Amino acid sequence: MGEREVFSMAYIIAKPCIGVKDTACVDACPVDCIHPRRNEASFDTDIQLYIHTEECIDCGACVPVCPVSAIFALHDLPRNWADYENINAAYFVRRAG
């Protein structure tokens, strides 16, 4: 049995982003780790934005600009939205596949 890859996420985008997808966070991110961007094919069909765990530098620049307060440091993610850690990670696994 192979080893399972484990992701450690600094920031998570949660439920308040669904249907909003305001890209202020994308513009604020210094390393472009938030997807999909407006110019990506899946922007119109994806229901929210996602933070790429391997690209995020844990700067937090995205948090204060989110107009719906959807971005949380992992340790601050509300319990009722804990599944968004896996939802964010799964998005990038699907994109890679």
PDB file of N, CA and C in Angstrom:
ATOM      1  N   MET A   1       0.834  -1.169   0.000  1.00  0.00           N
ATOM      2  CA  MET A   1       0.000   0.000   0.000  1.00  0.00           C
ATOM      3  C   MET A   1       0.889   1.246   0.000  1.00  0.00           C
ATOM      4  N   GLY A   2       0.623   2.204  -0.904  1.00  0.00           N
ATOM      5  CA  GLY A   2       1.422   3.416  -1.008  1.00  0.00           C
ATOM      6  C   GLY A   2       1.070   4.419   0.069  1.00  0.00           C
ATOM      7  N   GLU A   3       1.975   5.354   0.281  1.00  0.00           N
ATOM      8  CA  GLU A   3       1.715   6.385   1.273  1.00  0.00           C
ATOM      9  C   GLU A   3       0.740   7.391   0.710  1.00  0.00           C
ATOM     10  N   ARG A   4      -0.126   7.863   1.562  1.00  0.00           N
ATOM     11  CA  ARG A   4      -1.104   8.865   1.181  1.00  0.00           C
ATOM     12  C   ARG A   4      -0.490  10.240   1.380  1.00  0.00           C
ATOM     13  N   GLU A   5      -0.651  11.113   0.396  1.00  0.00           N
ATOM     14  CA  GLU A   5      -0.116  12.463   0.508  1.00  0.00           C
ATOM     15  C   GLU A   5      -0.980  13.262   1.476  1.00  0.00           C
ATOM     16  N   VAL A   6      -0.352  13.969   2.402  1.00  0.00           N
ATOM     17  CA  VAL A   6      -1.073  14.757   3.382  1.00  0.00           C
ATOM     18  C   VAL A   6      -0.799  16.231   3.111  1.00  0.00           C
ATOM     19  N   PHE A   7      -1.863  17.009   3.066  1.00  0.00           N
ATOM     20  CA  PHE A   7      -1.740  18.437   2.824  1.00  0.00           C
ATOM     21  C   PHE A   7      -1.850  19.180   4.145  1.00  0.00           C
ATOM     22  N   SER A   8      -1.063  20.203   4.306  1.00  0.00           N
ATOM     23  CA  SER A   8      -1.174  21.078   5.458  1.00  0.00           C
ATOM     24  C   SER A   8      -1.572  22.439   4.903  1.00  0.00           C
ATOM     25  N   MET A   9      -2.752  22.869   5.235  1.00  0.00           N
ATOM     26  CA  MET A   9      -3.281  24.097   4.654  1.00  0.00           C
ATOM     27  C   MET A   9      -3.131  25.261   5.625  1.00  0.00           C
ATOM     28  N   ALA A  10      -2.650  26.371   5.118  1.00  0.00           N
ATOM     29  CA  ALA A  10      -2.533  27.564   5.935  1.00  0.00           C
ATOM     30  C   ALA A  10      -3.876  28.285   6.004  1.00  0.00           C
ATOM     31  N   TYR A  11      -4.522  28.466   4.854  1.00  0.00           N
ATOM     32  CA  TYR A  11      -5.793  29.165   4.768  1.00  0.00           C
ATOM     33  C   TYR A  11      -6.791  28.351   3.975  1.00  0.00           C
ATOM     34  N   ILE A  12      -8.060  28.503   4.365  1.00  0.00           N
ATOM     35  CA  ILE A  12      -9.157  27.758   3.765  1.00  0.00           C
ATOM     36  C   ILE A  12     -10.227  28.751   3.328  1.00  0.00           C
ATOM     37  N   ILE A  13     -10.784  28.536   2.145  1.00  0.00           N
ATOM     38  CA  ILE A  13     -11.948  29.318   1.722  1.00  0.00           C
ATOM     39  C   ILE A  13     -13.175  28.463   2.001  1.00  0.00           C
ATOM     40  N   ALA A  14     -14.120  29.032   2.737  1.00  0.00           N
ATOM     41  CA  ALA A  14     -15.281  28.271   3.208  1.00  0.00           C
ATOM     42  C   ALA A  14     -16.592  28.732   2.553  1.00  0.00           C
ATOM     43  N   LYS A  15     -17.673  28.247   3.092  1.00  0.00           N
ATOM     44  CA  LYS A  15     -19.020  28.385   2.530  1.00  0.00           C
ATOM     45  C   LYS A  15     -19.436  29.799   2.102  1.00  0.00           C
ATOM     46  N   PRO A  16     -19.082  30.863   2.835  1.00  0.00           N
ATOM     47  CA  PRO A  16     -19.549  32.188   2.400  1.00  0.00           C
ATOM     48  C   PRO A  16     -19.118  32.569   0.976  1.00  0.00           C
ATOM     49  N   CYS A  17     -18.114  31.910   0.431  1.00  0.00           N
ATOM     50  CA  CYS A  17     -17.656  32.212  -0.925  1.00  0.00           C
ATOM     51  C   CYS A  17     -18.577  31.627  -1.996  1.00  0.00           C
ATOM     52  N   ILE A  18     -19.332  30.605  -1.640  1.00  0.00           N
ATOM     53  CA  ILE A  18     -20.165  29.922  -2.633  1.00  0.00           C
ATOM     54  C   ILE A  18     -21.135  30.908  -3.267  1.00  0.00           C
ATOM     55  N   GLY A  19     -21.088  30.963  -4.588  1.00  0.00           N
ATOM     56  CA  GLY A  19     -21.960  31.839  -5.345  1.00  0.00           C
ATOM     57  C   GLY A  19     -21.509  33.284  -5.415  1.00  0.00           C
ATOM     58  N   VAL A  20     -20.493  33.656  -4.642  1.00  0.00           N
ATOM     59  CA  VAL A  20     -20.016  35.039  -4.625  1.00  0.00           C
ATOM     60  C   VAL A  20     -18.790  35.181  -5.529  1.00  0.00           C
ATOM     61  N   LYS A  21     -17.753  34.422  -5.210  1.00  0.00           N
ATOM     62  CA  LYS A  21     -16.498  34.411  -5.972  1.00  0.00           C
ATOM     63  C   LYS A  21     -15.965  35.816  -6.277  1.00  0.00           C
ATOM     64  N   ASP A  22     -16.008  36.693  -5.290  1.00  0.00           N
ATOM     65  CA  ASP A  22     -15.405  38.009  -5.441  1.00  0.00           C
ATOM     66  C   ASP A  22     -13.901  37.794  -5.524  1.00  0.00           C
ATOM     67  N   THR A  23     -13.260  38.353  -6.502  1.00  0.00           N
ATOM     68  CA  THR A  23     -11.843  38.060  -6.730  1.00  0.00           C
ATOM     69  C   THR A  23     -10.891  39.067  -6.092  1.00  0.00           C
ATOM     70  N   ALA A  24     -11.347  39.794  -5.097  1.00  0.00           N
ATOM     71  CA  ALA A  24     -10.446  40.705  -4.386  1.00  0.00           C
ATOM     72  C   ALA A  24      -9.297  39.921  -3.771  1.00  0.00           C
ATOM     73  N   CYS A  25      -9.582  38.703  -3.308  1.00  0.00           N
ATOM     74  CA  CYS A  25      -8.535  37.876  -2.706  1.00  0.00           C
ATOM     75  C   CYS A  25      -7.506  37.435  -3.752  1.00  0.00           C
ATOM     76  N   VAL A  26      -7.981  37.165  -4.948  1.00  0.00           N
ATOM     77  CA  VAL A  26      -7.080  36.769  -6.037  1.00  0.00           C
ATOM     78  C   VAL A  26      -6.119  37.916  -6.331  1.00  0.00           C
ATOM     79  N   ASP A  27      -6.653  39.130  -6.394  1.00  0.00           N
ATOM     80  CA  ASP A  27      -5.834  40.310  -6.675  1.00  0.00           C
ATOM     81  C   ASP A  27      -4.838  40.599  -5.550  1.00  0.00           C
ATOM     82  N   ALA A  28      -5.212  40.298  -4.317  1.00  0.00           N
ATOM     83  CA  ALA A  28      -4.348  40.577  -3.161  1.00  0.00           C
ATOM     84  C   ALA A  28      -3.250  39.542  -2.961  1.00  0.00           C
ATOM     85  N   CYS A  29      -3.426  38.358  -3.514  1.00  0.00           N
ATOM     86  CA  CYS A  29      -2.471  37.267  -3.293  1.00  0.00           C
ATOM     87  C   CYS A  29      -1.163  37.520  -4.040  1.00  0.00           C
ATOM     88  N   PRO A  30      -0.040  37.593  -3.328  1.00  0.00           N
ATOM     89  CA  PRO A  30       1.237  37.879  -3.990  1.00  0.00           C
ATOM     90  C   PRO A  30       1.812  36.702  -4.777  1.00  0.00           C
ATOM     91  N   VAL A  31       1.274  35.494  -4.568  1.00  0.00           N
ATOM     92  CA  VAL A  31       1.824  34.323  -5.270  1.00  0.00           C
ATOM     93  C   VAL A  31       0.788  33.633  -6.167  1.00  0.00           C
ATOM     94  N   ASP A  32      -0.353  34.264  -6.374  1.00  0.00           N
ATOM     95  CA  ASP A  32      -1.395  33.730  -7.268  1.00  0.00           C
ATOM     96  C   ASP A  32      -1.797  32.297  -6.923  1.00  0.00           C
ATOM     97  N   CYS A  33      -2.066  32.033  -5.639  1.00  0.00           N
ATOM     98  CA  CYS A  33      -2.420  30.673  -5.227  1.00  0.00           C
ATOM     99  C   CYS A  33      -3.919  30.435  -5.136  1.00  0.00           C
ATOM    100  N   ILE A  34      -4.733  31.437  -5.462  1.00  0.00           N
ATOM    101  CA  ILE A  34      -6.190  31.289  -5.370  1.00  0.00           C
ATOM    102  C   ILE A  34      -6.764  31.078  -6.765  1.00  0.00           C
ATOM    103  N   HIS A  35      -7.552  30.022  -6.876  1.00  0.00           N
ATOM    104  CA  HIS A  35      -8.112  29.619  -8.175  1.00  0.00           C
ATOM    105  C   HIS A  35      -9.589  29.292  -8.032  1.00  0.00           C
ATOM    106  N   PRO A  36     -10.346  29.280  -9.093  1.00  0.00           N
ATOM    107  CA  PRO A  36      -9.949  29.694 -10.427  1.00  0.00           C
ATOM    108  C   PRO A  36      -9.942  31.218 -10.549  1.00  0.00           C
ATOM    109  N   ARG A  37      -9.057  31.694 -11.380  1.00  0.00           N
ATOM    110  CA  ARG A  37      -9.017  33.118 -11.687  1.00  0.00           C
ATOM    111  C   ARG A  37     -10.044  33.387 -12.784  1.00  0.00           C
ATOM    112  N   ARG A  38     -10.408  34.636 -12.958  1.00  0.00           N
ATOM    113  CA  ARG A  38     -11.418  34.990 -13.972  1.00  0.00           C
ATOM    114  C   ARG A  38     -11.047  34.500 -15.367  1.00  0.00           C
ATOM    115  N   ASN A  39      -9.760  34.404 -15.672  1.00  0.00           N
ATOM    116  CA  ASN A  39      -9.332  33.997 -17.014  1.00  0.00           C
ATOM    117  C   ASN A  39      -9.192  32.474 -17.159  1.00  0.00           C
ATOM    118  N   GLU A  40      -9.503  31.714 -16.118  1.00  0.00           N
ATOM    119  CA  GLU A  40      -9.432  30.257 -16.190  1.00  0.00           C
ATOM    120  C   GLU A  40     -10.778  29.706 -16.649  1.00  0.00           C
ATOM    121  N   ALA A  41     -10.731  28.656 -17.438  1.00  0.00           N
ATOM    122  CA  ALA A  41     -11.937  28.071 -18.031  1.00  0.00           C
ATOM    123  C   ALA A  41     -12.990  27.691 -16.998  1.00  0.00           C
ATOM    124  N   SER A  42     -12.574  27.244 -15.819  1.00  0.00           N
ATOM    125  CA  SER A  42     -13.538  26.761 -14.836  1.00  0.00           C
ATOM    126  C   SER A  42     -14.138  27.865 -13.957  1.00  0.00           C
ATOM    127  N   PHE A  43     -13.757  29.117 -14.185  1.00  0.00           N
ATOM    128  CA  PHE A  43     -14.261  30.190 -13.326  1.00  0.00           C
ATOM    129  C   PHE A  43     -15.789  30.247 -13.328  1.00  0.00           C
ATOM    130  N   ASP A  44     -16.398  30.140 -14.484  1.00  0.00           N
ATOM    131  CA  ASP A  44     -17.858  30.248 -14.572  1.00  0.00           C
ATOM    132  C   ASP A  44     -18.594  29.049 -13.991  1.00  0.00           C
ATOM    133  N   THR A  45     -17.963  27.888 -13.971  1.00  0.00           N
ATOM    134  CA  THR A  45     -18.651  26.688 -13.505  1.00  0.00           C
ATOM    135  C   THR A  45     -18.324  26.310 -12.055  1.00  0.00           C
ATOM    136  N   ASP A  46     -17.170  26.669 -11.545  1.00  0.00           N
ATOM    137  CA  ASP A  46     -16.845  26.380 -10.145  1.00  0.00           C
ATOM    138  C   ASP A  46     -17.683  27.274  -9.245  1.00  0.00           C
ATOM    139  N   ILE A  47     -18.154  26.722  -8.124  1.00  0.00           N
ATOM    140  CA  ILE A  47     -19.073  27.477  -7.269  1.00  0.00           C
ATOM    141  C   ILE A  47     -18.382  28.392  -6.260  1.00  0.00           C
ATOM    142  N   GLN A  48     -17.071  28.210  -6.090  1.00  0.00           N
ATOM    143  CA  GLN A  48     -16.342  29.052  -5.148  1.00  0.00           C
ATOM    144  C   GLN A  48     -14.885  29.134  -5.578  1.00  0.00           C
ATOM    145  N   LEU A  49     -14.091  29.886  -4.836  1.00  0.00           N
ATOM    146  CA  LEU A  49     -12.650  29.974  -5.057  1.00  0.00           C
ATOM    147  C   LEU A  49     -11.961  29.036  -4.073  1.00  0.00           C
ATOM    148  N   TYR A  50     -10.713  28.667  -4.389  1.00  0.00           N
ATOM    149  CA  TYR A  50      -9.960  27.703  -3.590  1.00  0.00           C
ATOM    150  C   TYR A  50      -8.513  28.171  -3.458  1.00  0.00           C
ATOM    151  N   ILE A  51      -7.881  27.848  -2.334  1.00  0.00           N
ATOM    152  CA  ILE A  51      -6.482  28.202  -2.104  1.00  0.00           C
ATOM    153  C   ILE A  51      -5.621  26.964  -2.308  1.00  0.00           C
ATOM    154  N   HIS A  52      -4.620  27.086  -3.171  1.00  0.00           N
ATOM    155  CA  HIS A  52      -3.712  25.973  -3.456  1.00  0.00           C
ATOM    156  C   HIS A  52      -2.718  25.832  -2.308  1.00  0.00           C
ATOM    157  N   THR A  53      -2.748  24.684  -1.658  1.00  0.00           N
ATOM    158  CA  THR A  53      -1.947  24.464  -0.454  1.00  0.00           C
ATOM    159  C   THR A  53      -0.442  24.529  -0.692  1.00  0.00           C
ATOM    160  N   GLU A  54      -0.006  24.067  -1.829  1.00  0.00           N
ATOM    161  CA  GLU A  54       1.433  24.045  -2.094  1.00  0.00           C
ATOM    162  C   GLU A  54       1.968  25.387  -2.559  1.00  0.00           C
ATOM    163  N   GLU A  55       1.093  26.285  -2.985  1.00  0.00           N
ATOM    164  CA  GLU A  55       1.518  27.593  -3.475  1.00  0.00           C
ATOM    165  C   GLU A  55       1.375  28.690  -2.421  1.00  0.00           C
ATOM    166  N   CYS A  56       0.480  28.490  -1.465  1.00  0.00           N
ATOM    167  CA  CYS A  56       0.212  29.499  -0.429  1.00  0.00           C
ATOM    168  C   CYS A  56       1.452  29.690   0.456  1.00  0.00           C
ATOM    169  N   ILE A  57       1.794  30.960   0.688  1.00  0.00           N
ATOM    170  CA  ILE A  57       2.961  31.265   1.520  1.00  0.00           C
ATOM    171  C   ILE A  57       2.554  31.710   2.932  1.00  0.00           C
ATOM    172  N   ASP A  58       1.280  31.538   3.269  1.00  0.00           N
ATOM    173  CA  ASP A  58       0.793  31.819   4.616  1.00  0.00           C
ATOM    174  C   ASP A  58       0.940  33.290   4.999  1.00  0.00           C
ATOM    175  N   CYS A  59       0.710  34.185   4.033  1.00  0.00           N
ATOM    176  CA  CYS A  59       0.877  35.614   4.319  1.00  0.00           C
ATOM    177  C   CYS A  59      -0.385  36.256   4.869  1.00  0.00           C
ATOM    178  N   GLY A  60      -1.549  35.694   4.549  1.00  0.00           N
ATOM    179  CA  GLY A  60      -2.807  36.230   5.045  1.00  0.00           C
ATOM    180  C   GLY A  60      -3.322  37.455   4.319  1.00  0.00           C
ATOM    181  N   ALA A  61      -2.704  37.846   3.221  1.00  0.00           N
ATOM    182  CA  ALA A  61      -3.137  39.042   2.489  1.00  0.00           C
ATOM    183  C   ALA A  61      -4.568  38.924   1.968  1.00  0.00           C
ATOM    184  N   CYS A  62      -5.025  37.718   1.753  1.00  0.00           N
ATOM    185  CA  CYS A  62      -6.364  37.485   1.209  1.00  0.00           C
ATOM    186  C   CYS A  62      -7.469  37.702   2.240  1.00  0.00           C
ATOM    187  N   VAL A  63      -7.175  37.499   3.497  1.00  0.00           N
ATOM    188  CA  VAL A  63      -8.202  37.506   4.549  1.00  0.00           C
ATOM    189  C   VAL A  63      -8.919  38.853   4.673  1.00  0.00           C
ATOM    190  N   PRO A  64      -8.217  39.963   4.859  1.00  0.00           N
ATOM    191  CA  PRO A  64      -8.937  41.220   5.095  1.00  0.00           C
ATOM    192  C   PRO A  64      -9.679  41.761   3.876  1.00  0.00           C
ATOM    193  N   VAL A  65      -9.355  41.326   2.679  1.00  0.00           N
ATOM    194  CA  VAL A  65     -10.018  41.857   1.490  1.00  0.00           C
ATOM    195  C   VAL A  65     -11.251  41.064   1.077  1.00  0.00           C
ATOM    196  N   CYS A  66     -11.486  39.924   1.699  1.00  0.00           N
ATOM    197  CA  CYS A  66     -12.654  39.108   1.349  1.00  0.00           C
ATOM    198  C   CYS A  66     -13.919  39.800   1.851  1.00  0.00           C
ATOM    199  N   PRO A  67     -14.811  40.194   0.939  1.00  0.00           N
ATOM    200  CA  PRO A  67     -15.999  40.947   1.366  1.00  0.00           C
ATOM    201  C   PRO A  67     -17.039  40.110   2.115  1.00  0.00           C
ATOM    202  N   VAL A  68     -16.927  38.791   2.062  1.00  0.00           N
ATOM    203  CA  VAL A  68     -17.902  37.935   2.749  1.00  0.00           C
ATOM    204  C   VAL A  68     -17.272  37.140   3.889  1.00  0.00           C
ATOM    205  N   SER A  69     -16.053  37.480   4.254  1.00  0.00           N
ATOM    206  CA  SER A  69     -15.339  36.809   5.353  1.00  0.00           C
ATOM    207  C   SER A  69     -15.354  35.292   5.210  1.00  0.00           C
ATOM    208  N   ALA A  70     -14.936  34.818   4.038  1.00  0.00           N
ATOM    209  CA  ALA A  70     -14.946  33.386   3.731  1.00  0.00           C
ATOM    210  C   ALA A  70     -13.591  32.720   3.919  1.00  0.00           C
ATOM    211  N   ILE A  71     -12.546  33.489   4.205  1.00  0.00           N
ATOM    212  CA  ILE A  71     -11.195  32.933   4.283  1.00  0.00           C
ATOM    213  C   ILE A  71     -10.748  32.878   5.744  1.00  0.00           C
ATOM    214  N   PHE A  72     -10.304  31.690   6.136  1.00  0.00           N
ATOM    215  CA  PHE A  72      -9.910  31.460   7.520  1.00  0.00           C
ATOM    216  C   PHE A  72      -8.544  30.797   7.584  1.00  0.00           C
ATOM    217  N   ALA A  73      -7.752  31.181   8.585  1.00  0.00           N
ATOM    218  CA  ALA A  73      -6.569  30.391   8.910  1.00  0.00           C
ATOM    219  C   ALA A  73      -7.096  29.032   9.358  1.00  0.00           C
ATOM    220  N   LEU A  74      -6.378  27.971   9.056  1.00  0.00           N
ATOM    221  CA  LEU A  74      -6.854  26.634   9.375  1.00  0.00           C
ATOM    222  C   LEU A  74      -7.286  26.509  10.834  1.00  0.00           C
ATOM    223  N   HIS A  75      -6.492  27.050  11.747  1.00  0.00           N
ATOM    224  CA  HIS A  75      -6.827  26.934  13.176  1.00  0.00           C
ATOM    225  C   HIS A  75      -8.028  27.792  13.581  1.00  0.00           C
ATOM    226  N   ASP A  76      -8.489  28.690  12.708  1.00  0.00           N
ATOM    227  CA  ASP A  76      -9.653  29.528  12.991  1.00  0.00           C
ATOM    228  C   ASP A  76     -10.903  29.088  12.229  1.00  0.00           C
ATOM    229  N   LEU A  77     -10.780  28.039  11.423  1.00  0.00           N
ATOM    230  CA  LEU A  77     -11.910  27.575  10.624  1.00  0.00           C
ATOM    231  C   LEU A  77     -13.034  27.099  11.548  1.00  0.00           C
ATOM    232  N   PRO A  78     -14.241  27.676  11.415  1.00  0.00           N
ATOM    233  CA  PRO A  78     -15.347  27.239  12.272  1.00  0.00           C
ATOM    234  C   PRO A  78     -15.626  25.745  12.098  1.00  0.00           C
ATOM    235  N   ARG A  79     -15.957  25.095  13.200  1.00  0.00           N
ATOM    236  CA  ARG A  79     -16.213  23.646  13.174  1.00  0.00           C
ATOM    237  C   ARG A  79     -17.249  23.254  12.130  1.00  0.00           C
ATOM    238  N   ASN A  80     -18.293  24.057  12.000  1.00  0.00           N
ATOM    239  CA  ASN A  80     -19.360  23.705  11.065  1.00  0.00           C
ATOM    240  C   ASN A  80     -18.905  23.786   9.604  1.00  0.00           C
ATOM    241  N   TRP A  81     -17.739  24.327   9.352  1.00  0.00           N
ATOM    242  CA  TRP A  81     -17.183  24.390   7.995  1.00  0.00           C
ATOM    243  C   TRP A  81     -15.880  23.597   7.878  1.00  0.00           C
ATOM    244  N   ALA A  82     -15.632  22.707   8.817  1.00  0.00           N
ATOM    245  CA  ALA A  82     -14.386  21.929   8.826  1.00  0.00           C
ATOM    246  C   ALA A  82     -14.193  21.128   7.547  1.00  0.00           C
ATOM    247  N   ASP A  83     -15.270  20.716   6.902  1.00  0.00           N
ATOM    248  CA  ASP A  83     -15.153  19.932   5.669  1.00  0.00           C
ATOM    249  C   ASP A  83     -14.566  20.741   4.512  1.00  0.00           C
ATOM    250  N   TYR A  84     -14.510  22.057   4.646  1.00  0.00           N
ATOM    251  CA  TYR A  84     -13.933  22.875   3.579  1.00  0.00           C
ATOM    252  C   TYR A  84     -12.421  22.697   3.452  1.00  0.00           C
ATOM    253  N   GLU A  85     -11.771  22.198   4.481  1.00  0.00           N
ATOM    254  CA  GLU A  85     -10.343  21.867   4.342  1.00  0.00           C
ATOM    255  C   GLU A  85     -10.186  20.789   3.264  1.00  0.00           C
ATOM    256  N   ASN A  86     -10.994  19.752   3.330  1.00  0.00           N
ATOM    257  CA  ASN A  86     -10.937  18.683   2.326  1.00  0.00           C
ATOM    258  C   ASN A  86     -11.475  19.136   0.978  1.00  0.00           C
ATOM    259  N   ILE A  87     -12.493  19.988   0.980  1.00  0.00           N
ATOM    260  CA  ILE A  87     -13.053  20.495  -0.274  1.00  0.00           C
ATOM    261  C   ILE A  87     -11.998  21.287  -1.033  1.00  0.00           C
ATOM    262  N   ASN A  88     -11.246  22.149  -0.330  1.00  0.00           N
ATOM    263  CA  ASN A  88     -10.183  22.930  -0.974  1.00  0.00           C
ATOM    264  C   ASN A  88      -9.093  22.016  -1.521  1.00  0.00           C
ATOM    265  N   ALA A  89      -8.655  21.055  -0.728  1.00  0.00           N
ATOM    266  CA  ALA A  89      -7.595  20.142  -1.166  1.00  0.00           C
ATOM    267  C   ALA A  89      -8.052  19.302  -2.350  1.00  0.00           C
ATOM    268  N   ALA A  90      -9.281  18.806  -2.306  1.00  0.00           N
ATOM    269  CA  ALA A  90      -9.801  17.949  -3.383  1.00  0.00           C
ATOM    270  C   ALA A  90      -9.891  18.699  -4.703  1.00  0.00           C
ATOM    271  N   TYR A  91     -10.149  19.987  -4.663  1.00  0.00           N
ATOM    272  CA  TYR A  91     -10.228  20.782  -5.887  1.00  0.00           C
ATOM    273  C   TYR A  91      -8.929  20.695  -6.675  1.00  0.00           C
ATOM    274  N   PHE A  92      -7.810  20.796  -5.995  1.00  0.00           N
ATOM    275  CA  PHE A  92      -6.521  20.778  -6.684  1.00  0.00           C
ATOM    276  C   PHE A  92      -6.099  19.369  -7.088  1.00  0.00           C
ATOM    277  N   VAL A  93      -6.556  18.358  -6.373  1.00  0.00           N
ATOM    278  CA  VAL A  93      -6.306  16.978  -6.782  1.00  0.00           C
ATOM    279  C   VAL A  93      -7.038  16.722  -8.093  1.00  0.00           C
ATOM    280  N   ARG A  94      -8.298  17.190  -8.196  1.00  0.00           N
ATOM    281  CA  ARG A  94      -9.076  17.031  -9.446  1.00  0.00           C
ATOM    282  C   ARG A  94      -8.411  17.775 -10.595  1.00  0.00           C
ATOM    283  N   ARG A  95      -7.928  18.979 -10.343  1.00  0.00           N
ATOM    284  CA  ARG A  95      -7.282  19.788 -11.403  1.00  0.00           C
ATOM    285  C   ARG A  95      -6.024  19.112 -11.921  1.00  0.00           C
ATOM    286  N   ALA A  96      -5.302  18.456 -11.032  1.00  0.00           N
ATOM    287  CA  ALA A  96      -4.036  17.799 -11.412  1.00  0.00           C
ATOM    288  C   ALA A  96      -4.298  16.520 -12.206  1.00  0.00           C
ATOM    289  N   GLY A  97      -5.432  15.901 -11.955  1.00  0.00           N
ATOM    290  CA  GLY A  97      -5.737  14.618 -12.567  1.00  0.00           C
ATOM    291  C   GLY A  97      -6.269  14.720 -13.909  1.00  0.00           C
TER     292      GLY A  97
END
